[in-house]
Amino acid sequence: MLSLLSDENFNGDVVRGLFLRNPGLDLIRVQDVGLRKVDDAAILAWAAVNNRILLTHDRATMPDFAYARLTKAEPMAGMFVVNDRMPIRQAIDELLLLIDYSEPAEWKGTVLYLPL
């Protein structure tokens, strides 16, 4: 199972829907670990240290920070950039496909854009 970290502005309805469909989900929010007001680079660093794939809607800046980490050969567990215009149900379905049918090693150093 994938270990996930949701970004501060990640849609709470998607998070709630994921937990409704998979109560055993290993997902924490940045708000739950004291990262609410920190910058993107610090969030990615925390996610890397804790081996968590980041869920974000931030297509404008977060991928740039991810690519900067990779350019410097810094670790990154992965990032799923979910289009915030996707229907909530579709976002939940696609994320559950990734969670249920992939392994953490598949996403190391990868930025994946959803929808698939």
Protein backbone atom coordinates (compact mmCIF):
# COMPACT_ATOMS: atom_id res chain seq x y z
CA MET A 1 0.00 0.00 0.00
CA LEU A 2 1.14 3.51 -0.76
CA SER A 3 1.86 5.99 2.03
CA LEU A 4 0.45 9.39 1.15
CA LEU A 5 0.65 13.00 2.32
CA SER A 6 -2.00 15.47 1.15
CA ASP A 7 -0.99 19.06 0.52
CA GLU A 8 -2.58 21.87 2.53
CA ASN A 9 -5.07 22.85 -0.18
CA PHE A 10 -5.85 19.34 -1.38
CA ASN A 11 -9.61 18.85 -1.69
CA GLY A 12 -10.98 17.59 1.63
CA ASP A 13 -13.90 15.92 -0.14
CA VAL A 14 -11.44 13.75 -2.07
CA VAL A 15 -9.62 12.85 1.16
CA ARG A 16 -12.89 11.98 2.91
CA GLY A 17 -14.02 9.93 -0.08
CA LEU A 18 -10.75 8.00 -0.11
CA PHE A 19 -11.18 7.12 3.56
CA LEU A 20 -14.82 6.13 3.03
CA ARG A 21 -13.81 3.73 0.27
CA ASN A 22 -10.63 2.53 2.02
CA PRO A 23 -10.74 3.04 5.82
CA GLY A 24 -7.27 1.52 6.22
CA LEU A 25 -5.69 4.08 3.91
CA ASP A 26 -2.25 5.36 4.95
CA LEU A 27 -2.83 9.05 4.28
CA ILE A 28 -2.01 12.02 6.47
CA ARG A 29 -2.57 15.71 5.82
CA VAL A 30 0.15 18.35 6.13
CA GLN A 31 -2.09 20.00 8.73
CA ASP A 32 -1.82 16.88 10.91
CA VAL A 33 1.99 16.98 11.08
CA GLY A 34 2.61 20.68 11.62
CA LEU A 35 3.41 21.59 8.02
CA ARG A 36 0.44 23.84 7.39
CA LYS A 37 2.30 27.10 6.75
CA VAL A 38 5.64 25.81 5.46
CA ASP A 39 6.88 26.22 1.91
CA ASP A 40 6.65 23.63 -0.85
CA ALA A 41 10.30 22.62 -0.61
CA ALA A 42 9.94 21.81 3.09
CA ILE A 43 6.81 19.75 2.46
CA LEU A 44 8.60 17.74 -0.22
CA ALA A 45 11.60 17.24 2.07
CA TRP A 46 9.33 15.97 4.87
CA ALA A 47 7.53 13.66 2.45
CA ALA A 48 10.87 12.27 1.24
CA VAL A 49 12.17 11.62 4.76
CA ASN A 50 8.90 9.90 5.67
CA ASN A 51 8.64 8.05 2.34
CA ARG A 52 5.23 9.49 1.48
CA ILE A 53 3.86 10.30 -1.96
CA LEU A 54 2.51 13.84 -2.07
CA LEU A 55 -1.04 14.51 -3.28
CA THR A 56 -1.42 18.04 -4.58
CA HIS A 57 -3.55 20.22 -6.83
CA ASP A 58 -0.70 22.74 -7.19
CA ARG A 59 0.38 22.39 -10.80
CA ALA A 60 1.94 25.86 -10.82
CA THR A 61 4.81 25.49 -8.34
CA MET A 62 4.94 22.10 -6.62
CA PRO A 63 6.21 20.11 -9.66
CA ASP A 64 9.03 22.65 -10.10
CA PHE A 65 10.18 21.96 -6.53
CA ALA A 66 9.95 18.22 -7.19
CA TYR A 67 12.06 18.48 -10.34
CA ALA A 68 14.58 20.64 -8.47
CA ARG A 69 14.93 17.87 -5.87
CA LEU A 70 15.46 15.29 -8.59
CA THR A 71 18.01 17.46 -10.39
CA LYS A 72 20.03 17.59 -7.15
CA ALA A 73 19.67 13.80 -6.75
CA GLU A 74 17.60 14.28 -3.60
CA PRO A 75 15.10 11.54 -2.78
CA MET A 76 11.41 11.88 -3.53
CA ALA A 77 8.78 9.21 -2.88
CA GLY A 78 6.65 10.57 -5.71
CA MET A 79 3.97 13.12 -6.42
CA PHE A 80 0.44 12.83 -7.77
CA VAL A 81 -0.73 16.14 -9.22
CA VAL A 82 -4.52 15.92 -9.34
CA ASN A 83 -6.33 18.37 -11.60
CA ASP A 84 -8.61 20.35 -9.31
CA ARG A 85 -11.27 20.44 -12.04
CA MET A 86 -11.64 16.66 -12.06
CA PRO A 87 -14.95 15.41 -10.71
CA ILE A 88 -14.44 14.28 -7.12
CA ARG A 89 -15.58 10.75 -7.83
CA GLN A 90 -13.14 10.41 -10.73
CA ALA A 91 -10.27 11.70 -8.58
CA ILE A 92 -11.12 9.18 -5.87
CA ASP A 93 -11.44 6.31 -8.36
CA GLU A 94 -8.14 7.06 -10.06
CA LEU A 95 -6.26 7.53 -6.80
CA LEU A 96 -7.64 4.25 -5.45
CA LEU A 97 -6.47 2.47 -8.60
CA LEU A 98 -2.96 3.75 -7.96
CA ILE A 99 -3.12 2.97 -4.24
CA ASP A 100 -4.54 -0.52 -4.64
CA TYR A 101 -2.62 -1.71 -7.69
CA SER A 102 0.85 -0.24 -7.49
CA GLU A 103 3.87 -0.38 -5.23
CA PRO A 104 5.70 2.54 -3.62
CA ALA A 105 8.90 1.79 -5.55
CA GLU A 106 7.06 2.47 -8.84
CA TRP A 107 6.61 6.14 -7.94
CA LYS A 108 10.04 7.07 -6.55
CA GLY A 109 11.27 10.14 -8.36
CA THR A 110 8.06 10.42 -10.40
CA VAL A 111 5.58 13.24 -10.89
CA LEU A 112 2.29 11.84 -12.19
CA TYR A 113 -0.49 14.06 -13.48
CA LEU A 114 -4.11 13.01 -13.09
CA PRO A 115 -6.46 12.36 -14.79
CA LEU A 116 -4.72 9.30 -16.13
